[in-house]
N, C-alpha and C. Protein backbone atom coordinates (compact mmCIF):
# COMPACT_ATOMS: atom_id res chain seq x y z
N MET A 1 0.68 -0.90 0.05
CA MET A 1 0.08 0.02 0.02
C MET A 1 0.37 1.38 -0.10
N TYR A 2 0.68 2.38 -0.89
CA TYR A 2 1.28 3.52 -0.72
C TYR A 2 0.52 4.42 0.35
N ASN A 3 1.86 4.71 0.99
CA ASN A 3 1.91 5.84 2.38
C ASN A 3 2.67 6.65 2.17
N ILE A 4 2.60 8.19 2.33
CA ILE A 4 3.72 8.86 2.28
C ILE A 4 3.60 9.59 4.01
N GLU A 5 5.09 9.32 4.43
CA GLU A 5 5.22 10.11 5.56
C GLU A 5 5.95 11.16 5.66
N TRP A 6 5.52 12.10 6.28
CA TRP A 6 5.79 13.60 6.33
C TRP A 6 7.38 13.70 7.03
N ASP A 7 8.13 14.04 6.86
CA ASP A 7 9.32 14.51 7.59
C ASP A 7 10.07 15.22 7.14
N ASP A 8 11.39 15.76 8.12
CA ASP A 8 11.54 17.13 7.70
C ASP A 8 12.85 17.20 6.10
N SER A 9 13.01 15.73 5.95
CA SER A 9 13.29 15.95 4.77
C SER A 9 12.96 16.70 3.61
N ILE A 10 11.41 16.13 3.68
CA ILE A 10 10.60 17.34 2.42
C ILE A 10 9.81 18.13 2.78
N SER A 11 10.65 19.14 3.84
CA SER A 11 10.13 20.27 4.33
C SER A 11 10.98 21.42 2.91
N VAL A 12 10.27 22.42 3.27
CA VAL A 12 10.70 23.46 2.48
C VAL A 12 11.23 24.72 2.79
N GLY A 13 10.97 24.39 4.17
CA GLY A 13 11.14 25.72 5.35
C GLY A 13 10.53 26.81 5.06
N ILE A 14 9.08 26.70 4.90
CA ILE A 14 8.57 28.17 4.24
C ILE A 14 6.51 27.71 4.91
N PRO A 15 6.44 27.85 6.39
CA PRO A 15 5.58 27.36 7.20
C PRO A 15 4.11 26.99 6.38
N VAL A 16 4.05 28.31 5.59
CA VAL A 16 2.43 28.46 4.75
C VAL A 16 2.50 27.24 3.55
N ILE A 17 3.85 27.10 2.86
CA ILE A 17 4.20 25.69 2.03
C ILE A 17 4.33 24.21 2.32
N ASP A 18 5.15 24.18 3.83
CA ASP A 18 4.88 22.99 4.48
C ASP A 18 3.79 23.00 4.50
N GLU A 19 2.58 23.43 5.12
CA GLU A 19 1.33 23.40 5.59
C GLU A 19 0.93 22.60 4.51
N ASP A 20 0.64 23.63 3.20
CA ASP A 20 -0.04 22.76 2.15
C ASP A 20 0.80 22.00 1.77
N HIS A 21 1.68 21.57 1.73
CA HIS A 21 2.10 19.98 1.49
C HIS A 21 1.68 18.99 2.34
N ARG A 22 1.74 19.24 4.00
CA ARG A 22 1.25 18.40 4.22
C ARG A 22 -0.34 17.74 4.34
N LYS A 23 -1.07 19.22 3.95
CA LYS A 23 -2.35 18.60 3.46
C LYS A 23 -2.24 18.00 2.70
N LEU A 24 -2.13 17.91 1.35
CA LEU A 24 -1.53 17.26 -0.14
C LEU A 24 -1.52 16.05 0.92
N VAL A 25 -0.28 15.57 1.25
CA VAL A 25 0.36 14.49 1.64
C VAL A 25 -0.66 13.72 2.51
N GLU A 26 -1.89 14.38 3.40
CA GLU A 26 -2.98 14.06 4.19
C GLU A 26 -3.92 13.50 3.03
N ILE A 27 -4.38 14.19 1.90
CA ILE A 27 -5.32 13.78 1.09
C ILE A 27 -4.99 12.26 0.29
N LEU A 28 -3.80 12.42 -0.49
CA LEU A 28 -3.16 11.52 -0.85
C LEU A 28 -3.32 10.38 -0.20
N ASN A 29 -2.70 10.32 1.16
CA ASN A 29 -2.90 9.24 2.21
C ASN A 29 -4.07 8.65 2.05
N GLU A 30 -5.53 9.51 2.28
CA GLU A 30 -6.69 9.82 2.12
C GLU A 30 -6.99 8.22 0.91
N LEU A 31 -6.55 9.02 0.08
CA LEU A 31 -6.90 8.11 -1.64
C LEU A 31 -6.17 6.86 -1.62
N PHE A 32 -5.03 6.63 -1.40
CA PHE A 32 -4.11 5.34 -0.91
C PHE A 32 -5.42 4.13 -0.35
N ALA A 33 -5.55 4.78 1.19
CA ALA A 33 -6.63 4.16 1.79
C ALA A 33 -8.14 3.48 1.41
N ALA A 34 -7.98 4.84 0.73
CA ALA A 34 -9.89 4.39 -0.26
C ALA A 34 -9.36 3.21 -0.90
N CYS A 35 -7.89 3.36 -1.78
CA CYS A 35 -8.25 2.56 -3.50
C CYS A 35 -7.75 1.14 -2.56
N PHE A 36 -6.85 0.87 -1.64
CA PHE A 36 -7.17 -0.23 -0.83
C PHE A 36 -8.10 -0.78 -0.19
N ALA A 37 -8.97 0.21 0.33
CA ALA A 37 -10.52 -0.57 0.95
C ALA A 37 -11.14 -0.41 0.52
N ALA A 38 -11.13 -0.74 -0.93
CA ALA A 38 -11.96 -0.65 -2.32
C ALA A 38 -13.43 0.05 -2.27
N GLN A 39 -13.35 1.32 -1.18
CA GLN A 39 -14.54 2.29 -0.94
C GLN A 39 -15.37 2.40 -2.11
N GLY A 40 -15.23 2.03 -3.37
CA GLY A 40 -16.09 2.86 -4.43
C GLY A 40 -15.66 4.12 -5.25
N PRO A 41 -16.25 3.85 -6.31
CA PRO A 41 -15.99 5.31 -7.46
C PRO A 41 -16.34 6.62 -6.56
N GLU A 42 -17.50 6.36 -5.94
CA GLU A 42 -17.94 8.35 -5.06
C GLU A 42 -17.12 8.51 -4.14
N VAL A 43 -16.51 7.29 -3.45
CA VAL A 43 -15.65 8.19 -2.68
C VAL A 43 -14.16 8.50 -2.88
N LEU A 44 -13.93 7.76 -3.98
CA LEU A 44 -12.33 8.06 -5.05
C LEU A 44 -12.88 9.30 -5.74
N GLU A 45 -13.85 9.62 -5.97
CA GLU A 45 -13.89 11.16 -7.08
C GLU A 45 -14.04 12.07 -5.85
N GLU A 46 -15.00 11.91 -4.96
CA GLU A 46 -14.81 13.10 -3.97
C GLU A 46 -13.45 13.19 -3.17
N ILE A 47 -12.20 11.79 -3.05
CA ILE A 47 -11.29 12.49 -2.81
C ILE A 47 -10.18 13.23 -3.49
N VAL A 48 -10.54 12.51 -5.22
CA VAL A 48 -9.73 13.35 -6.06
C VAL A 48 -10.14 14.68 -6.58
N GLU A 49 -11.10 15.18 -6.46
CA GLU A 49 -12.21 16.51 -6.60
C GLU A 49 -11.15 17.29 -5.41
N ARG A 50 -10.83 16.74 -4.11
CA ARG A 50 -10.64 17.90 -2.86
C ARG A 50 -8.79 17.65 -3.29
N LEU A 51 -8.28 16.45 -3.89
CA LEU A 51 -7.01 17.05 -4.36
C LEU A 51 -7.12 17.70 -5.33
N THR A 52 -7.80 18.32 -6.18
CA THR A 52 -7.60 18.61 -7.24
C THR A 52 -7.94 20.07 -6.67
N ASP A 53 -8.22 20.24 -6.19
CA ASP A 53 -9.04 21.87 -5.85
C ASP A 53 -7.81 22.06 -4.81
N TYR A 54 -7.38 21.40 -3.68
CA TYR A 54 -6.01 21.62 -3.07
C TYR A 54 -4.87 21.68 -3.77
N THR A 55 -4.76 21.25 -4.61
CA THR A 55 -3.53 21.27 -5.76
C THR A 55 -3.55 22.76 -6.18
N LYS A 56 -4.59 23.35 -6.85
CA LYS A 56 -4.86 24.53 -7.60
C LYS A 56 -4.71 25.35 -6.83
N TYR A 57 -5.14 25.48 -5.12
CA TYR A 57 -5.42 26.72 -4.33
C TYR A 57 -3.22 26.56 -3.98
N HIS A 58 -2.97 25.46 -3.91
CA HIS A 58 -0.97 25.45 -3.54
C HIS A 58 -0.71 26.17 -4.52
N PHE A 59 -1.01 25.83 -5.72
CA PHE A 59 0.26 26.32 -6.83
C PHE A 59 -0.22 27.76 -6.58
N GLU A 60 -1.49 28.07 -6.60
CA GLU A 60 -1.94 29.73 -6.80
C GLU A 60 -1.22 30.28 -5.26
N ARG A 61 -1.18 29.95 -4.61
CA ARG A 61 -0.10 30.19 -3.67
C ARG A 61 1.37 30.73 -3.33
N GLU A 62 1.55 29.31 -3.90
CA GLU A 62 3.17 29.22 -4.06
C GLU A 62 3.49 30.44 -5.51
N GLU A 63 3.07 30.54 -6.69
CA GLU A 63 3.40 31.04 -7.64
C GLU A 63 2.99 32.94 -6.93
N SER A 64 1.98 32.92 -6.48
CA SER A 64 1.99 34.74 -5.48
C SER A 64 3.51 34.86 -5.01
N LEU A 65 3.86 33.46 -3.94
CA LEU A 65 5.41 34.12 -2.89
C LEU A 65 6.18 33.85 -4.35
N LEU A 66 6.37 33.49 -5.25
CA LEU A 66 7.58 33.18 -5.99
C LEU A 66 7.59 34.51 -6.79
N ALA A 67 6.39 35.20 -7.16
CA ALA A 67 6.37 36.61 -7.94
C ALA A 67 7.09 37.52 -6.67
N LYS A 68 6.54 37.47 -5.44
CA LYS A 68 7.09 38.62 -4.79
C LYS A 68 8.73 38.30 -4.44
N ALA A 69 9.06 37.33 -4.40
CA ALA A 69 10.69 37.09 -4.62
C ALA A 69 10.96 37.28 -5.83
N GLU A 70 10.73 37.36 -6.76
CA GLU A 70 11.08 37.62 -8.35
C GLU A 70 11.79 36.65 -8.87
N TYR A 71 11.27 35.32 -8.38
CA TYR A 71 12.13 34.17 -8.52
C TYR A 71 12.34 34.22 -9.90
N GLU A 72 13.26 34.02 -10.41
CA GLU A 72 13.62 33.97 -12.29
C GLU A 72 13.14 32.74 -13.25
N GLY A 73 12.39 31.92 -12.30
CA GLY A 73 12.33 30.76 -12.69
C GLY A 73 10.55 30.57 -12.79
N LEU A 74 10.09 31.50 -12.55
CA LEU A 74 8.48 31.34 -11.88
C LEU A 74 7.77 31.16 -13.33
N GLU A 75 8.39 31.25 -14.49
CA GLU A 75 7.64 31.27 -16.05
C GLU A 75 7.01 29.73 -15.69
N THR A 76 8.44 28.92 -16.02
CA THR A 76 8.93 27.27 -16.00
C THR A 76 8.65 26.94 -14.86
N HIS A 77 8.44 27.81 -13.94
CA HIS A 77 7.74 26.47 -12.67
C HIS A 77 6.11 26.34 -12.99
N LYS A 78 5.43 27.50 -13.69
CA LYS A 78 3.84 27.82 -13.16
C LYS A 78 4.00 26.54 -14.74
N ALA A 79 4.55 26.20 -15.67
CA ALA A 79 4.25 25.43 -16.72
C ALA A 79 4.51 24.28 -16.21
N GLY A 80 5.10 24.05 -15.10
CA GLY A 80 5.01 22.48 -15.02
C GLY A 80 3.80 22.13 -13.40
N HIS A 81 3.24 23.32 -13.24
CA HIS A 81 2.04 23.24 -12.17
C HIS A 81 1.00 23.16 -13.43
N VAL A 82 1.13 23.42 -14.41
CA VAL A 82 -0.42 23.29 -15.27
C VAL A 82 -0.26 21.52 -15.83
N LYS A 83 0.66 21.45 -16.20
CA LYS A 83 1.04 20.02 -16.65
C LYS A 83 0.87 18.95 -15.36
N LEU A 84 0.76 19.53 -14.11
CA LEU A 84 0.46 18.81 -13.27
C LEU A 84 -0.65 18.98 -12.91
N VAL A 85 -1.29 19.90 -13.14
CA VAL A 85 -2.59 20.04 -12.82
C VAL A 85 -3.24 19.00 -14.07
N GLY A 86 -2.75 19.07 -14.84
CA GLY A 86 -3.38 18.67 -16.11
C GLY A 86 -3.54 16.91 -15.63
N ARG A 87 -2.82 16.36 -15.12
CA ARG A 87 -3.03 14.80 -14.96
C ARG A 87 -3.63 14.56 -13.94
N VAL A 88 -3.65 15.25 -12.59
CA VAL A 88 -4.67 15.23 -11.68
C VAL A 88 -6.24 15.63 -12.34
N GLU A 89 -6.50 15.97 -12.98
CA GLU A 89 -7.85 16.35 -13.80
C GLU A 89 -8.28 15.31 -14.64
N LYS A 90 -7.23 14.92 -15.22
CA LYS A 90 -7.22 13.57 -16.01
C LYS A 90 -8.05 12.51 -14.93
N ILE A 91 -7.73 12.24 -14.21
CA ILE A 91 -7.35 11.18 -13.11
C ILE A 91 -8.86 11.38 -12.84
N GLN A 92 -9.69 12.54 -12.39
CA GLN A 92 -10.66 13.32 -12.17
C GLN A 92 -12.08 12.91 -13.43
N SER A 93 -11.30 13.25 -14.21
CA SER A 93 -12.15 13.28 -15.61
C SER A 93 -12.79 11.83 -15.51
N GLU A 94 -11.64 10.52 -15.59
CA GLU A 94 -11.81 9.36 -15.82
C GLU A 94 -12.81 9.04 -14.99
N LEU A 95 -12.76 9.19 -13.57
CA LEU A 95 -13.66 8.69 -12.83
C LEU A 95 -14.65 8.91 -12.78
N ARG A 96 -14.83 10.24 -12.95
CA ARG A 96 -16.45 10.72 -13.39
C ARG A 96 -16.74 9.81 -14.58
N SER A 97 -16.22 10.16 -15.81
CA SER A 97 -17.30 9.58 -16.79
C SER A 97 -16.94 7.73 -16.73
N ALA A 98 -17.05 7.37 -15.30
CA ALA A 98 -16.52 5.81 -15.40
C ALA A 98 -16.14 4.92 -15.84
N ALA A 99 -14.97 5.59 -16.62
CA ALA A 99 -14.14 4.82 -17.87
C ALA A 99 -13.60 3.88 -16.84
N THR A 100 -13.67 4.34 -15.59
CA THR A 100 -12.89 3.51 -14.52
C THR A 100 -13.14 3.71 -13.40
N HIS A 101 -13.35 2.59 -12.66
CA HIS A 101 -13.91 2.63 -11.25
C HIS A 101 -13.14 2.40 -9.81
N ASP A 102 -11.58 2.61 -10.31
CA ASP A 102 -10.89 2.34 -9.37
C ASP A 102 -9.38 3.28 -9.99
N LEU A 103 -8.92 3.19 -8.98
CA LEU A 103 -7.40 3.64 -9.89
C LEU A 103 -6.40 2.61 -9.71
N SER A 104 -5.65 2.45 -10.72
CA SER A 104 -4.55 1.61 -10.84
C SER A 104 -3.09 1.82 -10.25
N ASN A 105 -2.77 0.77 -9.75
CA ASN A 105 -1.15 0.87 -8.89
C ASN A 105 -0.38 1.95 -9.64
N ASP A 106 -0.62 2.01 -11.22
CA ASP A 106 0.38 3.13 -11.94
C ASP A 106 -0.13 4.25 -11.28
N THR A 107 -1.05 4.65 -11.49
CA THR A 107 -1.64 5.97 -11.04
C THR A 107 -1.49 6.43 -9.93
N LEU A 108 -1.41 5.39 -8.83
CA LEU A 108 -1.01 5.26 -7.30
C LEU A 108 -0.29 5.94 -7.11
N GLY A 109 1.20 4.90 -7.93
CA GLY A 109 2.34 5.60 -7.80
C GLY A 109 2.29 6.80 -8.94
N LEU A 110 2.00 7.23 -9.05
CA LEU A 110 2.62 8.00 -10.35
C LEU A 110 1.96 9.71 -9.41
N LEU A 111 1.00 9.65 -8.95
CA LEU A 111 0.72 10.44 -7.60
C LEU A 111 1.60 10.60 -6.47
N SER A 112 1.88 9.96 -5.80
CA SER A 112 3.03 9.73 -4.64
C SER A 112 4.05 10.25 -5.06
N HIS A 113 4.82 9.73 -6.42
CA HIS A 113 5.63 10.53 -6.91
C HIS A 113 5.73 11.48 -7.30
N TRP A 114 4.67 12.05 -7.92
CA TRP A 114 4.22 13.94 -8.61
C TRP A 114 4.53 13.97 -7.47
N LEU A 115 4.25 13.89 -5.65
CA LEU A 115 3.62 15.05 -4.67
C LEU A 115 5.52 14.93 -4.02
N THR A 116 6.03 13.80 -3.90
CA THR A 116 7.23 13.63 -3.25
C THR A 116 8.20 14.83 -4.22
N ASP A 117 7.99 14.12 -5.50
CA ASP A 117 8.94 15.28 -6.55
C ASP A 117 9.05 16.29 -6.61
N HIS A 118 7.58 16.84 -6.54
CA HIS A 118 7.32 18.33 -6.93
C HIS A 118 8.24 18.83 -5.40
N ILE A 119 8.03 18.28 -4.26
CA ILE A 119 8.56 19.23 -3.05
C ILE A 119 9.83 19.46 -3.05
N LYS A 120 10.85 18.07 -3.09
CA LYS A 120 11.85 18.40 -3.56
C LYS A 120 12.34 19.14 -4.42
N MET A 121 11.80 18.98 -5.78
CA MET A 121 12.48 20.26 -6.48
C MET A 121 12.14 21.67 -5.95
N GLU A 122 11.14 21.66 -5.27
CA GLU A 122 10.89 22.96 -4.47
C GLU A 122 12.09 23.29 -3.80
N ILE A 123 12.23 22.33 -2.80
CA ILE A 123 13.22 22.56 -1.85
C ILE A 123 14.83 23.62 -2.73
N LYS A 124 14.77 22.60 -3.95
CA LYS A 124 16.02 22.75 -4.37
C LYS A 124 16.02 24.04 -5.47
N GLU A 125 15.27 24.18 -5.77
CA GLU A 125 14.37 25.23 -6.91
C GLU A 125 14.61 26.70 -5.75
N TYR A 126 13.94 26.86 -4.88
CA TYR A 126 13.42 27.86 -3.92
C TYR A 126 13.32 28.17 -2.97
N GLY A 127 13.27 27.32 -2.13
CA GLY A 127 13.20 27.16 -0.84
C GLY A 127 13.88 28.25 0.29
N ALA A 128 15.51 28.33 -0.51
CA ALA A 128 16.35 29.21 0.11
C ALA A 128 16.01 30.38 -0.03
N LEU A 129 15.74 30.30 -1.54
CA LEU A 129 15.00 32.09 -1.93
C LEU A 129 14.25 32.46 -1.32
N LEU A 130 13.00 32.61 -0.92
CA LEU A 130 11.81 32.71 -0.25
C LEU A 130 12.22 32.94 1.39
N ARG A 131 13.35 32.14 2.01
CA ARG A 131 13.69 31.85 3.42
C ARG A 131 14.49 33.45 3.32
N ALA A 132 15.58 33.65 2.11
CA ALA A 132 16.47 34.64 2.88
C ALA A 132 15.80 36.35 2.07
N LYS A 133 14.57 36.02 1.53
CA LYS A 133 14.02 36.86 1.40
C LYS A 133 12.66 37.61 2.50
N ASN A 134 12.74 36.51 3.61
CA ASN A 134 11.58 36.52 4.59
C ASN A 134 10.33 36.66 3.73
N ILE A 135 9.94 35.92 3.10
CA ILE A 135 8.83 35.80 2.18
C ILE A 135 8.28 34.62 2.58
N GLU A 136 6.83 34.82 3.43
CA GLU A 136 5.94 33.90 3.57
C GLU A 136 4.74 33.75 3.49
């Protein structure tokens, strides 16, 4: 079973961003648990909808902070966000259209890696910049 454990190694060091990431981890872990408990498409749809909504909210907040910091890679970072939101929306659409009534292990793995890779990229790309400029 997939499960993401939060620890300091995936902390960006920016409280609002870390709070968002914890919430995303929580939603993903809820999705993993629902899949492995075979809770049905309605439950999965609701969780994926929350994941989609919170992902969009997080990305908007993150982009706003990066704009304040005058982050040079902002446009590239935004493009990555669009791609990631598209992936999550595709999963949501497939669940809604009844194309599938469950999520494959590949999809769950993709979501798990997506979040942890996203966080690690953020730590590398801009965590220090935001901390240096005291932007939270």
